N, C-alpha and C. Protein backbone atom coordinates (compact mmCIF):
# COMPACT_ATOMS: atom_id res chain seq x y z
N MET A 1 21.97 -2.22 -8.76
CA MET A 1 21.23 -3.46 -8.48
C MET A 1 22.22 -4.59 -8.23
N ASN A 2 21.98 -5.35 -7.18
CA ASN A 2 22.82 -6.50 -6.86
C ASN A 2 22.34 -7.70 -7.66
N PRO A 3 23.12 -8.17 -8.62
CA PRO A 3 22.65 -9.28 -9.46
C PRO A 3 22.49 -10.58 -8.69
N ASP A 4 23.09 -10.67 -7.49
CA ASP A 4 23.01 -11.89 -6.69
C ASP A 4 21.82 -11.90 -5.74
N ASP A 5 21.04 -10.82 -5.72
CA ASP A 5 19.90 -10.72 -4.81
C ASP A 5 18.62 -10.74 -5.64
N PRO A 6 17.93 -11.89 -5.69
CA PRO A 6 16.74 -11.97 -6.55
C PRO A 6 15.62 -11.04 -6.10
N ILE A 7 15.49 -10.80 -4.80
CA ILE A 7 14.45 -9.89 -4.32
C ILE A 7 14.73 -8.48 -4.82
N GLU A 8 15.97 -8.05 -4.73
CA GLU A 8 16.32 -6.71 -5.21
C GLU A 8 16.11 -6.62 -6.72
N GLN A 9 16.44 -7.67 -7.44
CA GLN A 9 16.20 -7.67 -8.89
C GLN A 9 14.73 -7.46 -9.20
N ILE A 10 13.86 -8.17 -8.47
CA ILE A 10 12.43 -8.05 -8.70
C ILE A 10 11.94 -6.64 -8.41
N THR A 11 12.31 -6.12 -7.24
CA THR A 11 11.78 -4.81 -6.85
C THR A 11 12.33 -3.71 -7.75
N GLN A 12 13.59 -3.78 -8.09
CA GLN A 12 14.17 -2.72 -8.91
C GLN A 12 13.64 -2.75 -10.35
N THR A 13 13.41 -3.94 -10.88
CA THR A 13 12.85 -4.02 -12.23
C THR A 13 11.45 -3.43 -12.27
N THR A 14 10.65 -3.74 -11.24
CA THR A 14 9.30 -3.17 -11.15
C THR A 14 9.36 -1.66 -10.99
N LEU A 15 10.25 -1.18 -10.13
CA LEU A 15 10.36 0.27 -9.92
C LEU A 15 10.83 0.99 -11.17
N GLN A 16 11.72 0.37 -11.93
CA GLN A 16 12.19 1.00 -13.17
C GLN A 16 11.05 1.18 -14.16
N HIS A 17 10.11 0.24 -14.16
CA HIS A 17 8.93 0.40 -15.02
C HIS A 17 8.16 1.66 -14.62
N TYR A 18 7.96 1.86 -13.32
CA TYR A 18 7.22 3.04 -12.88
C TYR A 18 8.01 4.33 -13.13
N GLU A 19 9.31 4.26 -13.02
CA GLU A 19 10.13 5.44 -13.34
C GLU A 19 9.92 5.86 -14.80
N ARG A 20 9.87 4.87 -15.68
CA ARG A 20 9.73 5.16 -17.12
C ARG A 20 8.34 5.65 -17.47
N THR A 21 7.34 5.24 -16.71
CA THR A 21 5.95 5.49 -17.11
C THR A 21 5.21 6.39 -16.11
N ALA A 22 5.94 7.16 -15.33
CA ALA A 22 5.33 7.92 -14.22
C ALA A 22 4.23 8.86 -14.69
N GLU A 23 4.51 9.61 -15.76
CA GLU A 23 3.52 10.58 -16.22
C GLU A 23 2.26 9.88 -16.76
N GLN A 24 2.45 8.80 -17.52
CA GLN A 24 1.29 8.07 -18.03
C GLN A 24 0.48 7.46 -16.89
N PHE A 25 1.19 6.95 -15.87
CA PHE A 25 0.52 6.36 -14.73
C PHE A 25 -0.33 7.40 -14.01
N PHE A 26 0.22 8.59 -13.82
CA PHE A 26 -0.51 9.65 -13.13
C PHE A 26 -1.76 10.03 -13.92
N ALA A 27 -1.61 10.19 -15.22
CA ALA A 27 -2.75 10.57 -16.05
C ALA A 27 -3.83 9.48 -16.04
N GLY A 28 -3.41 8.23 -15.95
CA GLY A 28 -4.36 7.13 -16.02
C GLY A 28 -5.04 6.80 -14.71
N THR A 29 -4.52 7.31 -13.59
CA THR A 29 -5.07 6.94 -12.28
C THR A 29 -5.60 8.13 -11.48
N ILE A 30 -5.38 9.35 -11.94
CA ILE A 30 -5.72 10.53 -11.15
C ILE A 30 -7.22 10.58 -10.84
N ASP A 31 -8.06 10.04 -11.74
CA ASP A 31 -9.50 10.11 -11.55
C ASP A 31 -10.11 8.86 -10.93
N HIS A 32 -9.29 7.89 -10.53
CA HIS A 32 -9.83 6.67 -9.93
C HIS A 32 -10.52 7.01 -8.61
N ASP A 33 -11.70 6.45 -8.40
CA ASP A 33 -12.46 6.69 -7.18
C ASP A 33 -12.11 5.61 -6.15
N VAL A 34 -11.32 5.97 -5.16
CA VAL A 34 -10.96 5.05 -4.08
C VAL A 34 -11.53 5.55 -2.75
N SER A 35 -12.60 6.33 -2.82
CA SER A 35 -13.19 6.88 -1.60
C SER A 35 -13.66 5.78 -0.65
N GLN A 36 -14.11 4.65 -1.19
CA GLN A 36 -14.52 3.53 -0.35
C GLN A 36 -13.34 3.04 0.50
N ASN A 37 -12.16 2.98 -0.10
CA ASN A 37 -10.98 2.50 0.61
C ASN A 37 -10.51 3.50 1.66
N ILE A 38 -10.50 4.77 1.30
CA ILE A 38 -10.10 5.80 2.25
C ILE A 38 -11.05 5.81 3.44
N ALA A 39 -12.34 5.69 3.18
CA ALA A 39 -13.33 5.67 4.26
C ALA A 39 -13.15 4.45 5.16
N ALA A 40 -12.81 3.30 4.57
CA ALA A 40 -12.63 2.09 5.37
C ALA A 40 -11.46 2.23 6.33
N LEU A 41 -10.36 2.82 5.86
CA LEU A 41 -9.22 3.06 6.74
C LEU A 41 -9.59 4.01 7.87
N LEU A 42 -10.14 5.15 7.52
CA LEU A 42 -10.39 6.19 8.53
C LEU A 42 -11.44 5.74 9.54
N ALA A 43 -12.45 4.99 9.10
CA ALA A 43 -13.50 4.55 10.01
C ALA A 43 -12.98 3.57 11.06
N ALA A 44 -11.91 2.85 10.72
CA ALA A 44 -11.39 1.83 11.64
C ALA A 44 -10.42 2.42 12.67
N ILE A 45 -9.91 3.62 12.43
CA ILE A 45 -8.95 4.22 13.37
C ILE A 45 -9.71 4.75 14.57
N GLN A 46 -9.24 4.39 15.75
CA GLN A 46 -9.89 4.81 16.98
C GLN A 46 -9.22 6.09 17.50
N GLY A 47 -10.00 6.90 18.20
CA GLY A 47 -9.46 8.15 18.73
C GLY A 47 -9.81 9.32 17.84
N PRO A 48 -9.56 10.52 18.33
CA PRO A 48 -9.96 11.72 17.60
C PRO A 48 -9.04 12.03 16.43
N ALA A 49 -9.64 12.51 15.35
CA ALA A 49 -8.87 13.02 14.21
C ALA A 49 -8.35 14.41 14.56
N PRO A 50 -7.34 14.92 13.86
CA PRO A 50 -6.72 14.35 12.66
C PRO A 50 -5.74 13.22 12.99
N TYR A 51 -5.47 12.40 11.97
CA TYR A 51 -4.59 11.25 12.14
C TYR A 51 -3.29 11.46 11.39
N ARG A 52 -2.28 10.72 11.84
CA ARG A 52 -1.01 10.67 11.12
C ARG A 52 -1.01 9.40 10.29
N LEU A 53 -0.94 9.56 8.98
CA LEU A 53 -1.13 8.45 8.06
C LEU A 53 0.09 8.26 7.17
N LEU A 54 0.39 6.99 6.87
CA LEU A 54 1.44 6.64 5.91
C LEU A 54 0.77 6.08 4.67
N ASP A 55 1.02 6.71 3.53
CA ASP A 55 0.53 6.21 2.24
C ASP A 55 1.67 5.40 1.62
N LEU A 56 1.56 4.08 1.73
CA LEU A 56 2.62 3.17 1.27
C LEU A 56 2.42 2.89 -0.21
N GLY A 57 3.41 3.31 -1.01
CA GLY A 57 3.23 3.24 -2.46
C GLY A 57 2.38 4.40 -2.91
N CYS A 58 2.76 5.59 -2.47
CA CYS A 58 1.94 6.79 -2.69
C CYS A 58 1.86 7.19 -4.14
N GLY A 59 2.78 6.66 -4.99
CA GLY A 59 2.75 7.04 -6.39
C GLY A 59 2.87 8.55 -6.53
N PRO A 60 2.15 9.15 -7.49
CA PRO A 60 2.28 10.60 -7.73
C PRO A 60 1.56 11.48 -6.72
N GLY A 61 0.87 10.88 -5.73
CA GLY A 61 0.36 11.69 -4.63
C GLY A 61 -1.13 11.94 -4.62
N ARG A 62 -1.90 11.22 -5.44
CA ARG A 62 -3.34 11.45 -5.51
C ARG A 62 -4.00 11.33 -4.13
N ASP A 63 -3.75 10.21 -3.44
CA ASP A 63 -4.43 9.99 -2.17
C ASP A 63 -3.78 10.76 -1.03
N LEU A 64 -2.49 11.03 -1.14
CA LEU A 64 -1.84 11.93 -0.17
C LEU A 64 -2.56 13.27 -0.13
N LYS A 65 -2.86 13.81 -1.30
CA LYS A 65 -3.54 15.10 -1.37
C LYS A 65 -4.93 15.01 -0.75
N THR A 66 -5.61 13.90 -0.99
CA THR A 66 -6.94 13.73 -0.40
C THR A 66 -6.86 13.72 1.12
N PHE A 67 -5.93 12.96 1.67
CA PHE A 67 -5.78 12.91 3.13
C PHE A 67 -5.46 14.29 3.70
N LYS A 68 -4.56 15.01 3.04
CA LYS A 68 -4.21 16.34 3.50
C LYS A 68 -5.41 17.27 3.44
N ASP A 69 -6.17 17.21 2.35
CA ASP A 69 -7.34 18.06 2.20
C ASP A 69 -8.40 17.75 3.25
N MET A 70 -8.38 16.52 3.78
CA MET A 70 -9.31 16.14 4.84
C MET A 70 -8.82 16.57 6.23
N GLY A 71 -7.61 17.12 6.28
CA GLY A 71 -7.09 17.63 7.54
C GLY A 71 -6.12 16.73 8.27
N HIS A 72 -5.75 15.61 7.64
CA HIS A 72 -4.83 14.67 8.29
C HIS A 72 -3.38 15.00 7.94
N GLU A 73 -2.46 14.50 8.76
CA GLU A 73 -1.03 14.58 8.45
C GLU A 73 -0.64 13.34 7.68
N ALA A 74 -0.34 13.50 6.41
CA ALA A 74 -0.06 12.36 5.55
C ALA A 74 1.38 12.40 5.07
N ILE A 75 2.03 11.25 5.12
CA ILE A 75 3.40 11.08 4.64
C ILE A 75 3.40 9.94 3.63
N GLY A 76 4.03 10.15 2.51
CA GLY A 76 4.08 9.13 1.48
C GLY A 76 5.40 8.38 1.49
N VAL A 77 5.35 7.14 1.04
CA VAL A 77 6.55 6.34 0.80
C VAL A 77 6.41 5.69 -0.56
N ASP A 78 7.45 5.79 -1.37
CA ASP A 78 7.46 5.09 -2.64
C ASP A 78 8.91 4.77 -3.01
N GLY A 79 9.09 3.67 -3.74
CA GLY A 79 10.43 3.32 -4.17
C GLY A 79 10.90 4.07 -5.40
N SER A 80 9.96 4.68 -6.11
CA SER A 80 10.29 5.41 -7.34
C SER A 80 10.63 6.85 -7.02
N ALA A 81 11.83 7.26 -7.37
CA ALA A 81 12.25 8.64 -7.13
C ALA A 81 11.36 9.63 -7.88
N ARG A 82 10.95 9.27 -9.08
CA ARG A 82 10.08 10.15 -9.87
C ARG A 82 8.74 10.33 -9.17
N PHE A 83 8.17 9.23 -8.70
CA PHE A 83 6.90 9.32 -7.98
C PHE A 83 7.02 10.19 -6.73
N VAL A 84 8.11 10.04 -5.99
CA VAL A 84 8.30 10.82 -4.77
C VAL A 84 8.33 12.31 -5.09
N ASP A 85 9.05 12.67 -6.14
CA ASP A 85 9.10 14.09 -6.54
C ASP A 85 7.71 14.58 -6.94
N MET A 86 7.00 13.77 -7.72
CA MET A 86 5.66 14.15 -8.16
C MET A 86 4.70 14.26 -6.98
N ALA A 87 4.81 13.34 -6.03
CA ALA A 87 3.91 13.34 -4.88
C ALA A 87 4.13 14.59 -4.02
N ARG A 88 5.37 14.95 -3.82
CA ARG A 88 5.64 16.16 -3.04
C ARG A 88 5.05 17.39 -3.72
N ALA A 89 5.25 17.47 -5.04
CA ALA A 89 4.78 18.64 -5.77
C ALA A 89 3.26 18.69 -5.84
N TYR A 90 2.62 17.55 -6.05
CA TYR A 90 1.17 17.54 -6.23
C TYR A 90 0.41 17.70 -4.92
N SER A 91 0.91 17.05 -3.85
CA SER A 91 0.16 17.01 -2.59
C SER A 91 0.61 18.04 -1.58
N GLY A 92 1.86 18.50 -1.70
CA GLY A 92 2.41 19.35 -0.67
C GLY A 92 2.77 18.61 0.60
N CYS A 93 2.76 17.29 0.55
CA CYS A 93 3.06 16.46 1.71
C CYS A 93 4.51 15.97 1.67
N GLU A 94 4.98 15.54 2.82
CA GLU A 94 6.28 14.90 2.91
C GLU A 94 6.20 13.54 2.23
N ALA A 95 7.26 13.16 1.52
CA ALA A 95 7.31 11.84 0.88
C ALA A 95 8.74 11.33 0.95
N TRP A 96 8.86 10.05 1.27
CA TRP A 96 10.16 9.41 1.46
C TRP A 96 10.38 8.36 0.38
N GLN A 97 11.57 8.32 -0.18
CA GLN A 97 11.90 7.28 -1.14
C GLN A 97 12.47 6.08 -0.40
N GLN A 98 11.73 4.99 -0.39
CA GLN A 98 12.17 3.76 0.26
C GLN A 98 11.63 2.56 -0.51
N ASP A 99 12.47 1.56 -0.71
CA ASP A 99 12.05 0.29 -1.27
C ASP A 99 11.24 -0.44 -0.19
N PHE A 100 10.11 -1.04 -0.56
CA PHE A 100 9.26 -1.71 0.43
C PHE A 100 10.01 -2.81 1.18
N VAL A 101 10.96 -3.45 0.52
CA VAL A 101 11.67 -4.55 1.19
C VAL A 101 12.84 -4.04 2.03
N LYS A 102 13.00 -2.72 2.08
CA LYS A 102 14.05 -2.11 2.91
C LYS A 102 13.48 -0.89 3.62
N LEU A 103 12.31 -1.06 4.23
CA LEU A 103 11.65 0.07 4.89
C LEU A 103 12.42 0.50 6.12
N ASP A 104 12.44 1.80 6.34
CA ASP A 104 13.08 2.38 7.53
C ASP A 104 12.11 3.42 8.09
N LEU A 105 11.17 2.95 8.90
CA LEU A 105 10.08 3.78 9.39
C LEU A 105 10.20 3.98 10.90
N PRO A 106 9.75 5.13 11.39
CA PRO A 106 9.78 5.36 12.84
C PRO A 106 8.81 4.43 13.55
N ALA A 107 9.18 3.94 14.71
CA ALA A 107 8.38 2.96 15.45
C ALA A 107 7.21 3.65 16.16
N GLY A 108 6.06 2.99 16.13
CA GLY A 108 4.90 3.47 16.86
C GLY A 108 4.47 4.88 16.49
N PHE A 109 4.57 5.22 15.23
CA PHE A 109 4.46 6.62 14.78
C PHE A 109 3.13 6.93 14.11
N PHE A 110 2.55 5.96 13.42
CA PHE A 110 1.39 6.23 12.57
C PHE A 110 0.10 5.68 13.18
N ASP A 111 -0.99 6.44 12.97
CA ASP A 111 -2.32 5.95 13.32
C ASP A 111 -2.84 4.98 12.28
N GLY A 112 -2.44 5.17 11.03
CA GLY A 112 -2.91 4.31 9.97
C GLY A 112 -1.89 4.19 8.85
N VAL A 113 -1.88 3.04 8.21
CA VAL A 113 -1.09 2.81 7.00
C VAL A 113 -2.07 2.45 5.88
N TYR A 114 -1.92 3.16 4.78
CA TYR A 114 -2.81 3.00 3.63
C TYR A 114 -1.97 2.42 2.49
N ALA A 115 -2.25 1.16 2.16
CA ALA A 115 -1.49 0.46 1.11
C ALA A 115 -2.46 0.09 0.00
N ASN A 116 -2.71 1.04 -0.88
CA ASN A 116 -3.67 0.85 -1.97
C ASN A 116 -2.92 0.42 -3.23
N ALA A 117 -3.15 -0.81 -3.66
CA ALA A 117 -2.52 -1.34 -4.88
C ALA A 117 -1.01 -1.23 -4.84
N SER A 118 -0.42 -1.62 -3.70
CA SER A 118 1.03 -1.52 -3.58
C SER A 118 1.66 -2.80 -3.03
N LEU A 119 1.09 -3.40 -1.99
CA LEU A 119 1.74 -4.55 -1.36
C LEU A 119 1.77 -5.78 -2.25
N PHE A 120 0.92 -5.83 -3.28
CA PHE A 120 0.95 -7.01 -4.15
C PHE A 120 2.23 -7.09 -4.97
N HIS A 121 2.99 -5.98 -5.04
CA HIS A 121 4.26 -6.03 -5.75
C HIS A 121 5.37 -6.69 -4.93
N VAL A 122 5.14 -6.93 -3.64
CA VAL A 122 6.16 -7.53 -2.78
C VAL A 122 6.19 -9.04 -3.02
N PRO A 123 7.35 -9.62 -3.37
CA PRO A 123 7.43 -11.07 -3.50
C PRO A 123 7.05 -11.76 -2.19
N SER A 124 6.39 -12.90 -2.28
CA SER A 124 5.87 -13.55 -1.07
C SER A 124 6.96 -13.87 -0.06
N VAL A 125 8.16 -14.16 -0.53
CA VAL A 125 9.24 -14.50 0.40
C VAL A 125 9.64 -13.28 1.24
N ALA A 126 9.41 -12.09 0.73
CA ALA A 126 9.76 -10.87 1.46
C ALA A 126 8.59 -10.29 2.24
N LEU A 127 7.37 -10.77 1.97
CA LEU A 127 6.18 -10.16 2.56
C LEU A 127 6.15 -10.20 4.09
N PRO A 128 6.51 -11.31 4.74
CA PRO A 128 6.43 -11.32 6.21
C PRO A 128 7.22 -10.19 6.87
N GLN A 129 8.41 -9.92 6.39
CA GLN A 129 9.20 -8.85 6.99
C GLN A 129 8.59 -7.48 6.71
N VAL A 130 8.08 -7.28 5.50
CA VAL A 130 7.45 -6.00 5.18
C VAL A 130 6.26 -5.75 6.11
N LEU A 131 5.44 -6.77 6.33
CA LEU A 131 4.29 -6.61 7.22
C LEU A 131 4.73 -6.36 8.66
N ARG A 132 5.78 -7.00 9.10
CA ARG A 132 6.29 -6.74 10.45
C ARG A 132 6.79 -5.31 10.57
N ASP A 133 7.43 -4.80 9.51
CA ASP A 133 7.89 -3.41 9.52
C ASP A 133 6.71 -2.45 9.64
N LEU A 134 5.64 -2.71 8.91
CA LEU A 134 4.46 -1.85 8.97
C LEU A 134 3.79 -1.95 10.34
N HIS A 135 3.73 -3.16 10.89
CA HIS A 135 3.17 -3.36 12.23
C HIS A 135 3.95 -2.53 13.25
N ALA A 136 5.28 -2.55 13.15
CA ALA A 136 6.11 -1.81 14.10
C ALA A 136 5.93 -0.30 13.96
N ALA A 137 5.62 0.16 12.75
CA ALA A 137 5.48 1.60 12.52
C ALA A 137 4.15 2.15 13.02
N LEU A 138 3.20 1.27 13.28
CA LEU A 138 1.89 1.70 13.76
C LEU A 138 1.88 1.87 15.27
N LYS A 139 1.08 2.81 15.73
CA LYS A 139 0.78 2.90 17.16
C LYS A 139 -0.04 1.68 17.57
N THR A 140 -0.05 1.36 18.86
CA THR A 140 -0.92 0.30 19.34
C THR A 140 -2.37 0.66 19.02
N GLY A 141 -3.08 -0.28 18.43
CA GLY A 141 -4.44 -0.01 17.98
C GLY A 141 -4.52 0.59 16.59
N GLY A 142 -3.38 0.88 16.00
CA GLY A 142 -3.34 1.47 14.66
C GLY A 142 -3.85 0.50 13.61
N VAL A 143 -4.12 1.05 12.42
CA VAL A 143 -4.84 0.30 11.39
C VAL A 143 -4.02 0.25 10.10
N LEU A 144 -4.01 -0.93 9.48
CA LEU A 144 -3.43 -1.12 8.15
C LEU A 144 -4.56 -1.42 7.18
N PHE A 145 -4.64 -0.65 6.12
CA PHE A 145 -5.55 -0.94 5.02
C PHE A 145 -4.73 -1.44 3.84
N SER A 146 -5.23 -2.47 3.17
CA SER A 146 -4.58 -2.92 1.93
C SER A 146 -5.64 -3.22 0.89
N SER A 147 -5.32 -2.95 -0.36
CA SER A 147 -6.14 -3.36 -1.49
C SER A 147 -5.21 -3.93 -2.55
N ASN A 148 -5.47 -5.18 -2.94
CA ASN A 148 -4.62 -5.89 -3.88
C ASN A 148 -5.48 -6.61 -4.92
N PRO A 149 -4.94 -6.83 -6.12
CA PRO A 149 -5.64 -7.69 -7.05
C PRO A 149 -5.75 -9.10 -6.45
N ARG A 150 -6.95 -9.66 -6.43
CA ARG A 150 -7.12 -10.98 -5.83
C ARG A 150 -6.77 -12.06 -6.85
N GLY A 151 -6.46 -13.24 -6.34
CA GLY A 151 -6.09 -14.33 -7.23
C GLY A 151 -6.09 -15.65 -6.51
N ASP A 152 -5.34 -16.61 -7.07
CA ASP A 152 -5.31 -17.96 -6.51
C ASP A 152 -3.92 -18.29 -5.96
N ASN A 153 -3.26 -17.26 -5.43
CA ASN A 153 -2.00 -17.41 -4.70
C ASN A 153 -0.81 -17.69 -5.61
N ARG A 154 -0.94 -17.32 -6.86
CA ARG A 154 0.21 -17.38 -7.76
C ARG A 154 0.92 -16.03 -7.79
N GLU A 155 2.17 -16.05 -8.14
CA GLU A 155 2.93 -14.81 -8.27
C GLU A 155 3.88 -14.94 -9.45
N GLY A 156 4.29 -13.77 -9.96
CA GLY A 156 5.22 -13.78 -11.08
C GLY A 156 5.14 -12.48 -11.84
N TRP A 157 5.72 -12.49 -13.02
CA TRP A 157 5.82 -11.27 -13.82
C TRP A 157 4.55 -11.06 -14.64
N ASN A 158 4.06 -9.83 -14.62
CA ASN A 158 2.98 -9.39 -15.50
C ASN A 158 3.58 -8.27 -16.34
N GLY A 159 4.15 -8.64 -17.48
CA GLY A 159 4.94 -7.67 -18.23
C GLY A 159 6.16 -7.28 -17.41
N PRO A 160 6.45 -5.98 -17.27
CA PRO A 160 7.64 -5.55 -16.54
C PRO A 160 7.43 -5.40 -15.04
N ARG A 161 6.25 -5.79 -14.54
CA ARG A 161 5.95 -5.64 -13.13
C ARG A 161 5.73 -7.00 -12.48
N TYR A 162 6.22 -7.15 -11.25
CA TYR A 162 6.05 -8.39 -10.50
C TYR A 162 4.82 -8.25 -9.62
N GLY A 163 4.05 -9.33 -9.51
CA GLY A 163 2.87 -9.29 -8.66
C GLY A 163 2.62 -10.61 -7.96
N SER A 164 2.02 -10.51 -6.76
CA SER A 164 1.58 -11.67 -5.99
C SER A 164 0.08 -11.53 -5.78
N TYR A 165 -0.67 -12.57 -6.14
CA TYR A 165 -2.13 -12.46 -6.24
C TYR A 165 -2.78 -13.49 -5.30
N TYR A 166 -3.22 -13.00 -4.14
CA TYR A 166 -3.69 -13.87 -3.06
C TYR A 166 -5.21 -13.93 -2.98
N ASP A 167 -5.72 -15.06 -2.48
CA ASP A 167 -7.09 -15.09 -2.01
C ASP A 167 -7.12 -14.59 -0.56
N TYR A 168 -8.33 -14.37 -0.05
CA TYR A 168 -8.42 -13.77 1.29
C TYR A 168 -7.79 -14.66 2.35
N GLU A 169 -8.03 -15.97 2.27
CA GLU A 169 -7.55 -16.87 3.32
C GLU A 169 -6.03 -16.83 3.44
N THR A 170 -5.34 -16.81 2.31
CA THR A 170 -3.88 -16.75 2.35
C THR A 170 -3.40 -15.40 2.84
N TRP A 171 -4.03 -14.34 2.35
CA TRP A 171 -3.66 -12.99 2.81
C TRP A 171 -3.86 -12.87 4.32
N GLU A 172 -4.95 -13.41 4.82
CA GLU A 172 -5.22 -13.36 6.26
C GLU A 172 -4.11 -14.06 7.04
N ARG A 173 -3.64 -15.18 6.57
CA ARG A 173 -2.58 -15.91 7.29
C ARG A 173 -1.33 -15.04 7.42
N TYR A 174 -0.97 -14.34 6.35
CA TYR A 174 0.20 -13.45 6.42
C TYR A 174 -0.01 -12.35 7.45
N LEU A 175 -1.19 -11.75 7.47
CA LEU A 175 -1.44 -10.63 8.36
C LEU A 175 -1.51 -11.07 9.82
N LEU A 176 -2.15 -12.19 10.08
CA LEU A 176 -2.21 -12.70 11.45
C LEU A 176 -0.82 -13.05 11.96
N ALA A 177 -0.01 -13.63 11.11
CA ALA A 177 1.36 -13.99 11.51
C ALA A 177 2.19 -12.77 11.84
N ALA A 178 1.88 -11.63 11.23
CA ALA A 178 2.62 -10.39 11.49
C ALA A 178 2.11 -9.66 12.73
N GLY A 179 1.05 -10.17 13.36
CA GLY A 179 0.58 -9.57 14.60
C GLY A 179 -0.67 -8.73 14.48
N PHE A 180 -1.35 -8.78 13.33
CA PHE A 180 -2.58 -8.02 13.14
C PHE A 180 -3.80 -8.88 13.46
N ILE A 181 -4.94 -8.21 13.73
CA ILE A 181 -6.22 -8.89 13.78
C ILE A 181 -7.10 -8.31 12.68
N ALA A 182 -8.01 -9.12 12.17
CA ALA A 182 -8.86 -8.71 11.07
C ALA A 182 -9.97 -7.79 11.57
N VAL A 183 -10.23 -6.72 10.81
CA VAL A 183 -11.35 -5.83 11.08
C VAL A 183 -12.47 -6.08 10.07
N GLN A 184 -12.14 -6.02 8.79
CA GLN A 184 -13.13 -6.30 7.74
C GLN A 184 -12.41 -6.52 6.43
N HIS A 185 -13.13 -7.13 5.47
CA HIS A 185 -12.63 -7.17 4.10
C HIS A 185 -13.81 -7.11 3.14
N TYR A 186 -13.54 -6.68 1.93
CA TYR A 186 -14.58 -6.56 0.91
C TYR A 186 -13.91 -6.60 -0.46
N TYR A 187 -14.75 -6.72 -1.50
CA TYR A 187 -14.25 -6.82 -2.86
C TYR A 187 -14.72 -5.60 -3.66
N ARG A 188 -13.88 -5.19 -4.61
CA ARG A 188 -14.16 -3.99 -5.41
C ARG A 188 -14.09 -4.31 -6.90
N PRO A 189 -14.78 -3.48 -7.70
CA PRO A 189 -15.65 -2.35 -7.37
C PRO A 189 -16.95 -2.82 -6.71
N PRO A 190 -17.57 -1.95 -5.88
CA PRO A 190 -18.78 -2.35 -5.18
C PRO A 190 -19.95 -2.53 -6.12
N GLY A 191 -20.89 -3.40 -5.71
CA GLY A 191 -22.15 -3.54 -6.42
C GLY A 191 -22.11 -4.41 -7.65
N LEU A 192 -21.01 -5.13 -7.87
CA LEU A 192 -20.89 -5.99 -9.04
C LEU A 192 -20.82 -7.45 -8.61
N PRO A 193 -21.11 -8.40 -9.52
CA PRO A 193 -20.90 -9.81 -9.20
C PRO A 193 -19.43 -10.07 -8.88
N ARG A 194 -19.18 -11.08 -8.05
CA ARG A 194 -17.81 -11.34 -7.58
C ARG A 194 -16.82 -11.51 -8.73
N GLU A 195 -17.25 -12.15 -9.80
CA GLU A 195 -16.30 -12.37 -10.90
C GLU A 195 -15.91 -11.06 -11.58
N GLN A 196 -16.65 -10.00 -11.32
CA GLN A 196 -16.31 -8.68 -11.86
C GLN A 196 -15.70 -7.77 -10.79
N GLN A 197 -15.24 -8.36 -9.68
CA GLN A 197 -14.61 -7.61 -8.60
C GLN A 197 -13.16 -8.11 -8.44
N PRO A 198 -12.23 -7.54 -9.19
CA PRO A 198 -10.87 -8.05 -9.17
C PRO A 198 -10.04 -7.64 -7.95
N TRP A 199 -10.56 -6.73 -7.12
CA TRP A 199 -9.77 -6.19 -6.02
C TRP A 199 -10.27 -6.71 -4.67
N LEU A 200 -9.32 -7.15 -3.85
CA LEU A 200 -9.59 -7.57 -2.48
C LEU A 200 -9.05 -6.49 -1.54
N ALA A 201 -9.96 -5.85 -0.80
CA ALA A 201 -9.59 -4.82 0.16
C ALA A 201 -9.77 -5.37 1.57
N SER A 202 -8.86 -5.02 2.47
CA SER A 202 -8.96 -5.54 3.84
C SER A 202 -8.39 -4.53 4.83
N VAL A 203 -8.93 -4.60 6.05
CA VAL A 203 -8.56 -3.69 7.12
C VAL A 203 -8.12 -4.51 8.32
N TRP A 204 -7.01 -4.08 8.94
CA TRP A 204 -6.35 -4.86 10.00
C TRP A 204 -5.94 -3.92 11.12
N ARG A 205 -5.94 -4.46 12.36
CA ARG A 205 -5.57 -3.65 13.51
C ARG A 205 -4.37 -4.24 14.24
N LYS A 206 -3.48 -3.36 14.69
CA LYS A 206 -2.37 -3.76 15.55
C LYS A 206 -2.85 -3.79 16.99
N THR A 207 -2.72 -4.95 17.61
CA THR A 207 -3.18 -5.09 19.01
C THR A 207 -2.01 -4.97 19.96
C-alpha cells in the first residue's frame, strides 16, 4: 500500500476487511434474493441472448453462478484475492482480481455490467474514472446496472469499510457525465415504504 495515496489507502483497507471476513460474508449473503436486480439488467440489454456479462464486485460468486446457470457468459471482477478464488470455485466462471480504481478491462467487450452493492465503495473523487472505464468496456448500447445504499451524498468510513451514499439525483449526474443515459431506477426491497427501502437500484445505457 502506498501511504501517500489516499485513494489506495481507502480501497486497500476496505479490501482487507473482505479478505479477513470472506467466509462469513459468503455465508451471510448466499441466500439474498437479488432476482429483481438480475432481471432489470437482462431486460434492458438489447439483442439476442446469451450475453457476455461482467459482475463487478463479484464477491464469492453467487450471482456469477446464477448468470452462468441462465446460459450467459459471465466474468467476475473483485479486488479481494480470496473472493476471486472463491468465485472461481463456486461458479466455475472466469474471475479477475482488479481494484476498481485500477480497472483494466477489454474495450467494447461486454453486453452488460452488473454492479450489485459494489460501486458505493468507490470514493467520490475516483468515481468518474471508474464509470468511464466501465463505459469503455461496454459494447455500444450495452447496459450498466448498479445497486447502492442510498443516502444524502455523504461518504466516509462505516467501521472498516468505506462507503459513498448518494441520492438518485447525484448518482444520475455522475452517470450522465460518464456518457450513460438513464433507463430506469427503483428502490429495494420492493413493496415497502420508502423509508424501509435502503437500496437505490438503477439501469443505464451506453449510447
